[in-house]
Amino acid sequence: MKSPIAPVRWTPPPAPPVRHPANLDVEVVELPGPGPEDTLIDTDGSVLTGLYDGRILRVSADGRTISTLADTGGRPLGLEWLPDGKVLICDANRGLLTLDRDNRIATLLSEVDGRPMRFCNNADVTEDGTIYFTDSSTRFGIDEWMADLLEHSTTGSVYRRTPDGEVTRLATGRGFPNGVALSADRRSLFWAETATYGLYKLDLTTDGVEPVQVATIPGLPDNIARGSDGLIWVAVGSPRNAVLDLLLPKHPVFRKLVWSLPDALKPKAADIIEIQAYDETGRLVHDLRAKHPAFHMPTGVRERDGKVWLGSIGTSSLATFPTPATPAGA
C-alpha cells in the first residue's frame, strides 16, 4: 500500500535557456541484476557498484569480469573509499556500512537524531576519515522516492561524522539532498538537491553559515563526485518534467491524484543520458548528452584518470566514456 502524501506548494525556478549539449558516445557493460545506483573506481581501473538486491559487485576495467563481493541485506546506494582501504556504503535501508578487504559488511551508523535513517544516500570522505553524508528524506524510503519529489516537504538533511563517532547535522529542511562532494581543499562541501534542481556549496570553515546555491541543474540531479580532473561531476537523472513543474505551485490535490495513479501512468525519466561537470565556482564546464538502448537515467557518475563511469537505478548496466577535453575558453 502506498504511503499518503501531503504536498507542499513550491514554485520552481525558471527553466534554463535552450541548451546545446555535446553529443556523447557511451559503451555499456551488462550486469547480472538491476539498479547499479553508484560507481566507485579502484586503483586498477575496476569499478564497484551496488545492485537493487543488495549485492556489491566488482567489474573489471574492461568490463569482461564481474564478481560479487558481498550482500548488504539492504539497498546500497553511494560508495566511497575510506582511508583504511575499506569501502563506505550508503545503504538506503541500513545506514552507513563498511566493506572490508575480506568482503565483510559491518554497520558504522544506523541512526541519526535519535531515529533510524530512512534514506541514507551519498557521501564523501576526508583523508582523516571524516564522513559527510545525506539522509534524503524522513518521510519516504527508497521504494517511494517519487513520493518525496511530489510532496516536496523538504525533510532531508546533510551530516558530518567524525572519526570519533560524533555526528553533526550541517543542514536540514533540504529538498531531497542527494550527491555529496568535497572541494579540493576540503574547506567547502557541495551537494545536489534533486527536488530543487540545485547544486549547493557550504563553507565548512565557519559555523552557522547557510549553504549557497552555485548552479541550477537543468533536471533532477542525483549523485555527484569530484573527479581527478578537479571538476564536480553531476549525474542528471532526468531533464525537468514539465508536468511536475506545472503541478508544484498548484493546489496539492493534483499531486495527490498523480501519486494515486498506477505506476505505468506516473511521470517517467526521459530515455536519455545527461551528465554535467562544474568547476568549484559553479561554472559549467561540460554539458553532455547521449542515448543508448541499454542505458538511461544516470544516477551515479565517477571520473578518474581519463575515464568516466555511470550507474543507473533504471537499468541493469553501467556506462562508460573517455573524459572529454575541456572546451576552449572554459
C-alpha atoms as a PDB file:
ATOM      1  CA  MET A   1       0.000   0.000   0.000  1.00  0.00           C
ATOM      2  CA  LYS A   2       1.305   3.445  -0.921  1.00  0.00           C
ATOM      3  CA  SER A   3       2.135   5.933   1.790  1.00  0.00           C
ATOM      4  CA  PRO A   4      -0.113   9.025   1.722  1.00  0.00           C
ATOM      5  CA  ILE A   5       1.482  12.299   0.678  1.00  0.00           C
ATOM      6  CA  ALA A   6       0.837  15.822   1.963  1.00  0.00           C
ATOM      7  CA  PRO A   7       2.048  18.047  -0.890  1.00  0.00           C
ATOM      8  CA  VAL A   8       3.604  21.437  -0.177  1.00  0.00           C
ATOM      9  CA  ARG A   9       3.359  24.172  -2.782  1.00  0.00           C
ATOM     10  CA  TRP A  10       6.620  25.310  -4.321  1.00  0.00           C
ATOM     11  CA  THR A  11       7.389  27.483  -7.317  1.00  0.00           C
ATOM     12  CA  PRO A  12      10.230  26.040  -9.393  1.00  0.00           C
ATOM     13  CA  PRO A  13      12.943  28.319 -10.742  1.00  0.00           C
ATOM     14  CA  PRO A  14      12.582  29.343 -14.388  1.00  0.00           C
ATOM     15  CA  ALA A  15      13.504  26.646 -16.858  1.00  0.00           C
ATOM     16  CA  PRO A  16      17.063  27.049 -18.146  1.00  0.00           C
ATOM     17  CA  PRO A  17      17.607  28.580 -21.574  1.00  0.00           C
ATOM     18  CA  VAL A  18      17.877  26.340 -24.598  1.00  0.00           C
ATOM     19  CA  ARG A  19      20.964  24.171 -24.238  1.00  0.00           C
ATOM     20  CA  HIS A  20      23.217  22.608 -26.815  1.00  0.00           C
ATOM     21  CA  PRO A  21      24.853  19.658 -25.027  1.00  0.00           C
ATOM     22  CA  ALA A  22      27.788  17.975 -26.705  1.00  0.00           C
ATOM     23  CA  ASN A  23      26.938  14.594 -28.215  1.00  0.00           C
ATOM     24  CA  LEU A  24      28.453  11.674 -26.390  1.00  0.00           C
ATOM     25  CA  ASP A  25      29.045   8.031 -27.278  1.00  0.00           C
ATOM     26  CA  VAL A  26      28.984   5.537 -24.410  1.00  0.00           C
ATOM     27  CA  GLU A  27      29.894   1.896 -24.034  1.00  0.00           C
ATOM     28  CA  VAL A  28      27.704  -0.294 -21.854  1.00  0.00           C
ATOM     29  CA  VAL A  29      28.562  -3.186 -19.517  1.00  0.00           C
ATOM     30  CA  GLU A  30      25.644  -5.512 -18.771  1.00  0.00           C
ATOM     31  CA  LEU A  31      25.315  -6.603 -15.140  1.00  0.00           C
ATOM     32  CA  PRO A  32      23.688  -9.659 -13.508  1.00  0.00           C
ATOM     33  CA  GLY A  33      20.937  -7.619 -11.878  1.00  0.00           C
ATOM     34  CA  PRO A  34      19.162  -4.231 -11.922  1.00  0.00           C
ATOM     35  CA  GLY A  35      19.801  -0.914 -10.262  1.00  0.00           C
ATOM     36  CA  PRO A  36      23.559  -0.124 -10.132  1.00  0.00           C
ATOM     37  CA  GLU A  37      22.969   3.268  -8.484  1.00  0.00           C
ATOM     38  CA  ASP A  38      26.567   4.468  -7.991  1.00  0.00           C
ATOM     39  CA  THR A  39      30.073   3.649  -9.177  1.00  0.00           C
ATOM     40  CA  LEU A  40      33.436   3.675  -7.410  1.00  0.00           C
ATOM     41  CA  ILE A  41      36.692   3.281  -9.321  1.00  0.00           C
ATOM     42  CA  ASP A  42      39.616   1.326  -7.833  1.00  0.00           C
ATOM     43  CA  THR A  43      43.315   1.941  -8.486  1.00  0.00           C
ATOM     44  CA  ASP A  44      43.417  -0.863 -11.072  1.00  0.00           C
ATOM     45  CA  GLY A  45      40.550   0.700 -13.020  1.00  0.00           C
ATOM     46  CA  SER A  46      37.950  -1.814 -11.851  1.00  0.00           C
ATOM     47  CA  VAL A  47      34.560  -0.492 -10.751  1.00  0.00           C
ATOM     48  CA  LEU A  48      32.451  -1.255  -7.688  1.00  0.00           C
ATOM     49  CA  THR A  49      28.683  -0.846  -7.722  1.00  0.00           C
ATOM     50  CA  GLY A  50      25.665  -1.875  -5.646  1.00  0.00           C
ATOM     51  CA  LEU A  51      22.509  -3.516  -7.002  1.00  0.00           C
ATOM     52  CA  TYR A  52      18.843  -3.324  -6.069  1.00  0.00           C
ATOM     53  CA  ASP A  53      19.010  -6.745  -4.396  1.00  0.00           C
ATOM     54  CA  GLY A  54      21.826  -5.690  -2.042  1.00  0.00           C
ATOM     55  CA  ARG A  55      24.817  -7.176  -3.838  1.00  0.00           C
ATOM     56  CA  ILE A  56      28.092  -5.271  -4.162  1.00  0.00           C
ATOM     57  CA  LEU A  57      29.831  -6.097  -7.448  1.00  0.00           C
ATOM     58  CA  ARG A  58      33.318  -5.568  -8.808  1.00  0.00           C
ATOM     59  CA  VAL A  59      33.544  -5.056 -12.577  1.00  0.00           C
ATOM     60  CA  SER A  60      36.949  -5.334 -14.232  1.00  0.00           C
ATOM     61  CA  ALA A  61      38.259  -2.287 -16.081  1.00  0.00           C
ATOM     62  CA  ASP A  62      37.490  -3.908 -19.421  1.00  0.00           C
ATOM     63  CA  GLY A  63      34.018  -4.974 -18.290  1.00  0.00           C
ATOM     64  CA  ARG A  64      34.648  -8.651 -19.009  1.00  0.00           C
ATOM     65  CA  THR A  65      34.836  -9.998 -15.460  1.00  0.00           C
ATOM     66  CA  ILE A  66      32.147  -9.409 -12.835  1.00  0.00           C
ATOM     67  CA  SER A  67      32.360 -10.789  -9.301  1.00  0.00           C
ATOM     68  CA  THR A  68      30.138 -10.478  -6.240  1.00  0.00           C
ATOM     69  CA  LEU A  69      31.948  -9.114  -3.184  1.00  0.00           C
ATOM     70  CA  ALA A  70      29.166  -9.043  -0.582  1.00  0.00           C
ATOM     71  CA  ASP A  71      25.474  -8.510   0.114  1.00  0.00           C
ATOM     72  CA  THR A  72      24.406  -5.676   2.413  1.00  0.00           C
ATOM     73  CA  GLY A  73      20.990  -7.149   3.079  1.00  0.00           C
ATOM     74  CA  GLY A  74      19.586  -3.724   2.189  1.00  0.00           C
ATOM     75  CA  ARG A  75      19.761  -1.312  -0.736  1.00  0.00           C
ATOM     76  CA  PRO A  76      23.284   0.028  -1.405  1.00  0.00           C
ATOM     77  CA  LEU A  77      23.458   3.495  -2.967  1.00  0.00           C
ATOM     78  CA  GLY A  78      26.549   5.731  -2.685  1.00  0.00           C
ATOM     79  CA  LEU A  79      30.016   4.171  -2.397  1.00  0.00           C
ATOM     80  CA  GLU A  80      33.247   5.818  -1.206  1.00  0.00           C
ATOM     81  CA  TRP A  81      36.756   4.816  -0.154  1.00  0.00           C
ATOM     82  CA  LEU A  82      37.748   5.125   3.488  1.00  0.00           C
ATOM     83  CA  PRO A  83      41.364   5.921   4.422  1.00  0.00           C
ATOM     84  CA  ASP A  84      41.988   2.375   5.701  1.00  0.00           C
ATOM     85  CA  GLY A  85      41.044   0.832   2.356  1.00  0.00           C
ATOM     86  CA  LYS A  86      37.529  -0.177   3.357  1.00  0.00           C
ATOM     87  CA  VAL A  87      34.548   0.807   1.230  1.00  0.00           C
ATOM     88  CA  LEU A  88      31.926   3.057   2.788  1.00  0.00           C
ATOM     89  CA  ILE A  89      28.431   2.071   1.673  1.00  0.00           C
ATOM     90  CA  CYS A  90      25.427   4.362   1.984  1.00  0.00           C
ATOM     91  CA  ASP A  91      22.656   1.811   2.318  1.00  0.00           C
ATOM     92  CA  ALA A  92      19.241   3.424   1.967  1.00  0.00           C
ATOM     93  CA  ASN A  93      17.697   0.985   4.426  1.00  0.00           C
ATOM     94  CA  ARG A  94      20.554   0.269   6.841  1.00  0.00           C
ATOM     95  CA  GLY A  95      22.600   3.492   7.048  1.00  0.00           C
ATOM     96  CA  LEU A  96      26.377   3.783   6.770  1.00  0.00           C
ATOM     97  CA  LEU A  97      28.069   0.407   6.330  1.00  0.00           C
ATOM     98  CA  THR A  98      31.639  -0.676   5.662  1.00  0.00           C
ATOM     99  CA  LEU A  99      33.029  -3.406   3.423  1.00  0.00           C
ATOM    100  CA  ASP A 100      36.495  -4.610   4.420  1.00  0.00           C
ATOM    101  CA  ARG A 101      39.148  -6.327   2.310  1.00  0.00           C
ATOM    102  CA  ASP A 102      37.815  -9.727   3.370  1.00  0.00           C
ATOM    103  CA  ASN A 103      34.406  -8.693   1.989  1.00  0.00           C
ATOM    104  CA  ARG A 104      32.801  -8.470   5.414  1.00  0.00           C
ATOM    105  CA  ILE A 105      29.955  -5.998   5.967  1.00  0.00           C
ATOM    106  CA  ALA A 106      29.752  -4.026   9.228  1.00  0.00           C
ATOM    107  CA  THR A 107      27.417  -1.278  10.421  1.00  0.00           C
ATOM    108  CA  LEU A 108      29.066   2.083  11.069  1.00  0.00           C
ATOM    109  CA  LEU A 109      25.989   4.249  11.701  1.00  0.00           C
ATOM    110  CA  SER A 110      22.317   3.331  11.528  1.00  0.00           C
ATOM    111  CA  GLU A 111      20.643   6.190  13.431  1.00  0.00           C
ATOM    112  CA  VAL A 112      20.808   9.986  13.360  1.00  0.00           C
ATOM    113  CA  ASP A 113      18.954  12.489  15.528  1.00  0.00           C
ATOM    114  CA  GLY A 114      17.645   9.592  17.602  1.00  0.00           C
ATOM    115  CA  ARG A 115      15.915   7.799  14.725  1.00  0.00           C
ATOM    116  CA  PRO A 116      16.844   5.166  12.153  1.00  0.00           C
ATOM    117  CA  MET A 117      17.964   6.673   8.880  1.00  0.00           C
ATOM    118  CA  ARG A 118      15.157   6.495   6.336  1.00  0.00           C
ATOM    119  CA  PHE A 119      17.105   7.257   3.160  1.00  0.00           C
ATOM    120  CA  CYS A 120      20.891   7.224   3.560  1.00  0.00           C
ATOM    121  CA  ASN A 121      22.006   8.243   0.094  1.00  0.00           C
ATOM    122  CA  ASN A 122      25.510   9.501  -0.709  1.00  0.00           C
ATOM    123  CA  ALA A 123      28.773  10.566   0.945  1.00  0.00           C
ATOM    124  CA  ASP A 124      32.284  11.896   0.612  1.00  0.00           C
ATOM    125  CA  VAL A 125      35.228  11.277   2.935  1.00  0.00           C
ATOM    126  CA  THR A 126      38.281  13.289   4.015  1.00  0.00           C
ATOM    127  CA  GLU A 127      41.799  11.926   4.492  1.00  0.00           C
ATOM    128  CA  ASP A 128      41.280  11.603   8.252  1.00  0.00           C
ATOM    129  CA  GLY A 129      38.083   9.575   7.834  1.00  0.00           C
ATOM    130  CA  THR A 130      35.534  12.318   8.428  1.00  0.00           C
ATOM    131  CA  ILE A 131      32.373  11.409   6.527  1.00  0.00           C
ATOM    132  CA  TYR A 132      29.913  13.864   5.007  1.00  0.00           C
ATOM    133  CA  PHE A 133      26.638  12.240   4.018  1.00  0.00           C
ATOM    134  CA  THR A 134      22.992  12.822   3.136  1.00  0.00           C
ATOM    135  CA  ASP A 135      19.777  11.384   4.539  1.00  0.00           C
ATOM    136  CA  SER A 136      17.410  12.403   1.759  1.00  0.00           C
ATOM    137  CA  SER A 137      14.046  12.098   3.486  1.00  0.00           C
ATOM    138  CA  THR A 138      12.487  11.380   6.859  1.00  0.00           C
ATOM    139  CA  ARG A 139       9.117  10.786   5.165  1.00  0.00           C
ATOM    140  CA  PHE A 140       9.808   8.185   2.497  1.00  0.00           C
ATOM    141  CA  GLY A 141      12.247   5.379   1.814  1.00  0.00           C
ATOM    142  CA  ILE A 142      13.982   4.310  -1.376  1.00  0.00           C
ATOM    143  CA  ASP A 143      10.969   2.476  -2.803  1.00  0.00           C
ATOM    144  CA  GLU A 144       8.881   5.661  -2.637  1.00  0.00           C
ATOM    145  CA  TRP A 145      11.428   8.227  -3.762  1.00  0.00           C
ATOM    146  CA  MET A 146       8.958   9.721  -6.221  1.00  0.00           C
ATOM    147  CA  ALA A 147       6.548  10.435  -3.361  1.00  0.00           C
ATOM    148  CA  ASP A 148       9.113  12.735  -1.783  1.00  0.00           C
ATOM    149  CA  LEU A 149       9.554  14.682  -5.015  1.00  0.00           C
ATOM    150  CA  LEU A 150       5.788  15.006  -5.458  1.00  0.00           C
ATOM    151  CA  GLU A 151       5.218  16.040  -1.851  1.00  0.00           C
ATOM    152  CA  HIS A 152       8.158  18.466  -1.727  1.00  0.00           C
ATOM    153  CA  SER A 153       8.114  18.559   2.076  1.00  0.00           C
ATOM    154  CA  THR A 154      11.906  19.076   2.232  1.00  0.00           C
ATOM    155  CA  THR A 155      12.751  16.831   5.174  1.00  0.00           C
ATOM    156  CA  GLY A 156      16.275  15.877   4.068  1.00  0.00           C
ATOM    157  CA  SER A 157      19.490  16.678   5.923  1.00  0.00           C
ATOM    158  CA  VAL A 158      23.243  16.767   5.451  1.00  0.00           C
ATOM    159  CA  TYR A 159      25.500  15.382   8.196  1.00  0.00           C
ATOM    160  CA  ARG A 160      29.116  15.048   9.258  1.00  0.00           C
ATOM    161  CA  ARG A 161      30.512  12.078  11.160  1.00  0.00           C
ATOM    162  CA  THR A 162      33.997  12.497  12.630  1.00  0.00           C
ATOM    163  CA  PRO A 163      36.351   9.528  13.198  1.00  0.00           C
ATOM    164  CA  ASP A 164      35.480   9.504  16.925  1.00  0.00           C
ATOM    165  CA  GLY A 165      31.829   8.883  16.034  1.00  0.00           C
ATOM    166  CA  GLU A 166      30.425  12.364  16.662  1.00  0.00           C
ATOM    167  CA  VAL A 167      27.580  13.193  14.252  1.00  0.00           C
ATOM    168  CA  THR A 168      26.665  16.813  13.455  1.00  0.00           C
ATOM    169  CA  ARG A 169      23.757  17.989  11.349  1.00  0.00           C
ATOM    170  CA  LEU A 170      25.091  20.631   8.957  1.00  0.00           C
ATOM    171  CA  ALA A 171      21.897  21.469   7.074  1.00  0.00           C
ATOM    172  CA  THR A 172      18.270  20.439   7.407  1.00  0.00           C
ATOM    173  CA  GLY A 173      14.936  21.133   5.737  1.00  0.00           C
ATOM    174  CA  ARG A 174      16.534  20.375   2.378  1.00  0.00           C
ATOM    175  CA  GLY A 175      14.774  19.274  -0.808  1.00  0.00           C
ATOM    176  CA  PHE A 176      15.963  15.680  -1.229  1.00  0.00           C
ATOM    177  CA  PRO A 177      19.714  16.242  -0.712  1.00  0.00           C
ATOM    178  CA  ASN A 178      21.479  13.611  -2.754  1.00  0.00           C
ATOM    179  CA  GLY A 179      25.064  13.516  -4.073  1.00  0.00           C
ATOM    180  CA  VAL A 180      27.924  14.912  -1.972  1.00  0.00           C
ATOM    181  CA  ALA A 181      31.420  16.116  -2.930  1.00  0.00           C
ATOM    182  CA  LEU A 182      34.135  17.947  -1.022  1.00  0.00           C
ATOM    183  CA  SER A 183      36.109  20.779  -2.557  1.00  0.00           C
ATOM    184  CA  ALA A 184      39.747  20.153  -3.412  1.00  0.00           C
ATOM    185  CA  ASP A 185      40.930  21.989  -0.280  1.00  0.00           C
ATOM    186  CA  ARG A 186      38.278  20.269   1.896  1.00  0.00           C
ATOM    187  CA  ARG A 187      37.096  23.673   3.130  1.00  0.00           C
ATOM    188  CA  SER A 188      33.735  23.506   1.353  1.00  0.00           C
ATOM    189  CA  LEU A 189      31.081  20.864   0.793  1.00  0.00           C
ATOM    190  CA  PHE A 190      28.970  20.566  -2.334  1.00  0.00           C
ATOM    191  CA  TRP A 191      25.709  18.666  -2.592  1.00  0.00           C
ATOM    192  CA  ALA A 192      22.942  18.261  -5.143  1.00  0.00           C
ATOM    193  CA  GLU A 193      19.267  18.614  -4.238  1.00  0.00           C
ATOM    194  CA  THR A 194      17.086  16.583  -6.535  1.00  0.00           C
ATOM    195  CA  ALA A 195      13.825  18.319  -5.578  1.00  0.00           C
ATOM    196  CA  THR A 196      15.116  21.880  -6.057  1.00  0.00           C
ATOM    197  CA  TYR A 197      17.277  21.316  -9.165  1.00  0.00           C
ATOM    198  CA  GLY A 198      20.210  22.859  -7.314  1.00  0.00           C
ATOM    199  CA  LEU A 199      23.929  22.424  -6.702  1.00  0.00           C
ATOM    200  CA  TYR A 200      24.787  23.883  -3.286  1.00  0.00           C
ATOM    201  CA  LYS A 201      28.009  24.841  -1.522  1.00  0.00           C
ATOM    202  CA  LEU A 202      28.582  25.088   2.233  1.00  0.00           C
ATOM    203  CA  ASP A 203      31.573  26.809   3.829  1.00  0.00           C
ATOM    204  CA  LEU A 204      32.906  24.301   6.365  1.00  0.00           C
ATOM    205  CA  THR A 205      35.304  26.766   7.993  1.00  0.00           C
ATOM    206  CA  THR A 206      32.610  28.997   9.543  1.00  0.00           C
ATOM    207  CA  ASP A 207      29.950  27.746  11.943  1.00  0.00           C
ATOM    208  CA  GLY A 208      26.336  28.715  11.382  1.00  0.00           C
ATOM    209  CA  VAL A 209      26.576  29.844   7.761  1.00  0.00           C
ATOM    210  CA  GLU A 210      23.889  28.925   5.269  1.00  0.00           C
ATOM    211  CA  PRO A 211      24.607  26.992   2.081  1.00  0.00           C
ATOM    212  CA  VAL A 212      24.545  28.932  -1.168  1.00  0.00           C
ATOM    213  CA  GLN A 213      23.260  27.686  -4.492  1.00  0.00           C
ATOM    214  CA  VAL A 214      26.046  27.826  -7.057  1.00  0.00           C
ATOM    215  CA  ALA A 215      24.237  26.306 -10.042  1.00  0.00           C
ATOM    216  CA  THR A 216      20.763  25.406 -11.252  1.00  0.00           C
ATOM    217  CA  ILE A 217      20.762  21.962 -12.804  1.00  0.00           C
ATOM    218  CA  PRO A 218      18.555  21.553 -15.913  1.00  0.00           C
ATOM    219  CA  GLY A 219      16.952  18.445 -14.496  1.00  0.00           C
ATOM    220  CA  LEU A 220      16.875  16.165 -11.469  1.00  0.00           C
ATOM    221  CA  PRO A 221      20.441  15.865 -10.149  1.00  0.00           C
ATOM    222  CA  ASP A 222      21.401  12.651  -8.403  1.00  0.00           C
ATOM    223  CA  ASN A 223      24.899  11.656  -7.299  1.00  0.00           C
ATOM    224  CA  ILE A 224      27.824  13.998  -7.713  1.00  0.00           C
ATOM    225  CA  ALA A 225      31.562  13.382  -7.336  1.00  0.00           C
ATOM    226  CA  ARG A 226      34.747  15.420  -7.617  1.00  0.00           C
ATOM    227  CA  GLY A 227      36.793  13.931 -10.433  1.00  0.00           C
ATOM    228  CA  SER A 228      40.536  13.507 -10.741  1.00  0.00           C
ATOM    229  CA  ASP A 229      40.251  16.476 -13.133  1.00  0.00           C
ATOM    230  CA  GLY A 230      39.099  18.632 -10.194  1.00  0.00           C
ATOM    231  CA  LEU A 231      35.581  19.147 -11.544  1.00  0.00           C
ATOM    232  CA  ILE A 232      32.311  18.405  -9.764  1.00  0.00           C
ATOM    233  CA  TRP A 233      30.590  15.809 -11.958  1.00  0.00           C
ATOM    234  CA  VAL A 234      26.785  15.649 -11.790  1.00  0.00           C
ATOM    235  CA  ALA A 235      24.545  12.789 -12.879  1.00  0.00           C
ATOM    236  CA  VAL A 236      21.298  14.296 -14.193  1.00  0.00           C
ATOM    237  CA  GLY A 237      18.769  11.523 -13.650  1.00  0.00           C
ATOM    238  CA  SER A 238      16.223  13.120 -15.939  1.00  0.00           C
ATOM    239  CA  PRO A 239      15.533  16.523 -17.506  1.00  0.00           C
ATOM    240  CA  ARG A 240      12.950  18.645 -15.748  1.00  0.00           C
ATOM    241  CA  ASN A 241       9.432  17.331 -16.205  1.00  0.00           C
ATOM    242  CA  ALA A 242       7.028  19.984 -17.493  1.00  0.00           C
ATOM    243  CA  VAL A 243       4.053  18.319 -15.799  1.00  0.00           C
ATOM    244  CA  LEU A 244       5.785  18.239 -12.409  1.00  0.00           C
ATOM    245  CA  ASP A 245       6.880  21.879 -12.784  1.00  0.00           C
ATOM    246  CA  LEU A 246       3.282  22.804 -13.609  1.00  0.00           C
ATOM    247  CA  LEU A 247       1.838  20.947 -10.628  1.00  0.00           C
ATOM    248  CA  LEU A 248       4.288  22.028  -7.912  1.00  0.00           C
ATOM    249  CA  PRO A 249       2.774  25.542  -7.399  1.00  0.00           C
ATOM    250  CA  LYS A 250      -0.827  24.311  -7.838  1.00  0.00           C
ATOM    251  CA  HIS A 251      -3.324  23.013  -5.304  1.00  0.00           C
ATOM    252  CA  PRO A 252      -1.889  19.925  -3.558  1.00  0.00           C
ATOM    253  CA  VAL A 253      -4.808  17.744  -4.647  1.00  0.00           C
ATOM    254  CA  PHE A 254      -3.382  17.472  -8.151  1.00  0.00           C
ATOM    255  CA  ARG A 255      -0.168  15.850  -6.932  1.00  0.00           C
ATOM    256  CA  LYS A 256      -2.175  13.525  -4.702  1.00  0.00           C
ATOM    257  CA  LEU A 257      -4.002  12.384  -7.823  1.00  0.00           C
ATOM    258  CA  VAL A 258      -0.726  11.784  -9.651  1.00  0.00           C
ATOM    259  CA  TRP A 259       0.612   9.729  -6.727  1.00  0.00           C
ATOM    260  CA  SER A 260      -2.562   7.620  -6.743  1.00  0.00           C
ATOM    261  CA  LEU A 261      -2.123   6.674 -10.393  1.00  0.00           C
ATOM    262  CA  PRO A 262      -0.801   3.248 -11.371  1.00  0.00           C
ATOM    263  CA  ASP A 263       2.986   3.269 -11.770  1.00  0.00           C
ATOM    264  CA  ALA A 264       2.629   2.886 -15.530  1.00  0.00           C
ATOM    265  CA  LEU A 265       0.872   6.265 -15.697  1.00  0.00           C
ATOM    266  CA  LYS A 266       3.207   8.224 -13.440  1.00  0.00           C
ATOM    267  CA  PRO A 267       5.855  10.568 -14.926  1.00  0.00           C
ATOM    268  CA  LYS A 268       8.920   8.698 -16.151  1.00  0.00           C
ATOM    269  CA  ALA A 269      12.587   9.593 -16.515  1.00  0.00           C
ATOM    270  CA  ALA A 270      13.474  10.551 -20.072  1.00  0.00           C
ATOM    271  CA  ASP A 271      15.143   7.879 -22.170  1.00  0.00           C
ATOM    272  CA  ILE A 272      18.420   9.787 -22.457  1.00  0.00           C
ATOM    273  CA  ILE A 273      21.749  10.221 -20.681  1.00  0.00           C
ATOM    274  CA  GLU A 274      22.705  13.673 -19.410  1.00  0.00           C
ATOM    275  CA  ILE A 275      25.893  14.427 -17.499  1.00  0.00           C
ATOM    276  CA  GLN A 276      27.349  17.771 -16.451  1.00  0.00           C
ATOM    277  CA  ALA A 277      30.573  18.913 -14.815  1.00  0.00           C
ATOM    278  CA  TYR A 278      31.149  22.192 -12.966  1.00  0.00           C
ATOM    279  CA  ASP A 279      34.161  23.928 -11.504  1.00  0.00           C
ATOM    280  CA  GLU A 280      34.044  24.912  -7.845  1.00  0.00           C
ATOM    281  CA  THR A 281      32.595  28.340  -8.606  1.00  0.00           C
ATOM    282  CA  GLY A 282      29.565  26.716 -10.228  1.00  0.00           C
ATOM    283  CA  ARG A 283      30.680  27.416 -13.794  1.00  0.00           C
ATOM    284  CA  LEU A 284      29.519  24.777 -16.258  1.00  0.00           C
ATOM    285  CA  VAL A 285      32.474  23.112 -17.988  1.00  0.00           C
ATOM    286  CA  HIS A 286      30.931  20.010 -19.590  1.00  0.00           C
ATOM    287  CA  ASP A 287      27.334  19.602 -20.775  1.00  0.00           C
ATOM    288  CA  LEU A 288      26.963  16.150 -22.300  1.00  0.00           C
ATOM    289  CA  ARG A 289      24.122  14.107 -23.762  1.00  0.00           C
ATOM    290  CA  ALA A 290      23.930  10.578 -25.123  1.00  0.00           C
ATOM    291  CA  LYS A 291      21.403   7.916 -25.996  1.00  0.00           C
ATOM    292  CA  HIS A 292      21.820   4.155 -25.718  1.00  0.00           C
ATOM    293  CA  PRO A 293      19.154   1.418 -25.870  1.00  0.00           C
ATOM    294  CA  ALA A 294      20.560  -0.313 -22.764  1.00  0.00           C
ATOM    295  CA  PHE A 295      21.184   2.699 -20.535  1.00  0.00           C
ATOM    296  CA  HIS A 296      19.327   5.787 -19.345  1.00  0.00           C
ATOM    297  CA  MET A 297      18.524   7.668 -16.103  1.00  0.00           C
ATOM    298  CA  PRO A 298      22.121   8.117 -14.873  1.00  0.00           C
ATOM    299  CA  THR A 299      22.220   8.274 -11.077  1.00  0.00           C
ATOM    300  CA  GLY A 300      25.950   7.872 -10.401  1.00  0.00           C
ATOM    301  CA  VAL A 301      28.976   9.428 -12.099  1.00  0.00           C
ATOM    302  CA  ARG A 302      32.665   8.989 -11.396  1.00  0.00           C
ATOM    303  CA  GLU A 303      35.635  10.440 -13.313  1.00  0.00           C
ATOM    304  CA  ARG A 304      39.152   9.140 -12.795  1.00  0.00           C
ATOM    305  CA  ASP A 305      42.314   9.238 -14.892  1.00  0.00           C
ATOM    306  CA  GLY A 306      40.674   9.918 -18.224  1.00  0.00           C
ATOM    307  CA  LYS A 307      37.602   7.714 -17.899  1.00  0.00           C
ATOM    308  CA  VAL A 308      34.048   8.305 -16.685  1.00  0.00           C
ATOM    309  CA  TRP A 309      31.749   5.577 -15.340  1.00  0.00           C
ATOM    310  CA  LEU A 310      27.983   5.920 -14.884  1.00  0.00           C
ATOM    311  CA  GLY A 311      25.485   3.985 -12.780  1.00  0.00           C
ATOM    312  CA  SER A 312      21.700   3.951 -13.075  1.00  0.00           C
ATOM    313  CA  ILE A 313      18.819   2.764 -10.905  1.00  0.00           C
ATOM    314  CA  GLY A 314      16.753   2.426 -14.073  1.00  0.00           C
ATOM    315  CA  THR A 315      18.870  -0.154 -15.921  1.00  0.00           C
ATOM    316  CA  SER A 316      20.848  -3.362 -15.463  1.00  0.00           C
ATOM    317  CA  SER A 317      24.095  -1.951 -16.815  1.00  0.00           C
ATOM    318  CA  LEU A 318      26.900   0.535 -16.331  1.00  0.00           C
ATOM    319  CA  ALA A 319      28.008   3.004 -18.990  1.00  0.00           C
ATOM    320  CA  THR A 320      31.438   4.473 -19.632  1.00  0.00           C
ATOM    321  CA  PHE A 321      33.133   7.038 -21.863  1.00  0.00           C
ATOM    322  CA  PRO A 322      36.515   8.821 -22.048  1.00  0.00           C
ATOM    323  CA  THR A 323      36.839  12.071 -20.113  1.00  0.00           C
ATOM    324  CA  PRO A 324      36.120  14.792 -22.692  1.00  0.00           C
ATOM    325  CA  ALA A 325      38.615  17.520 -23.446  1.00  0.00           C
ATOM    326  CA  THR A 326      37.924  20.803 -21.696  1.00  0.00           C
ATOM    327  CA  PRO A 327      36.162  23.138 -24.157  1.00  0.00           C
ATOM    328  CA  ALA A 328      38.172  26.086 -25.408  1.00  0.00           C
ATOM    329  CA  GLY A 329      37.705  29.101 -23.157  1.00  0.00           C
ATOM    330  CA  ALA A 330      36.354  27.026 -20.279  1.00  0.00           C
END
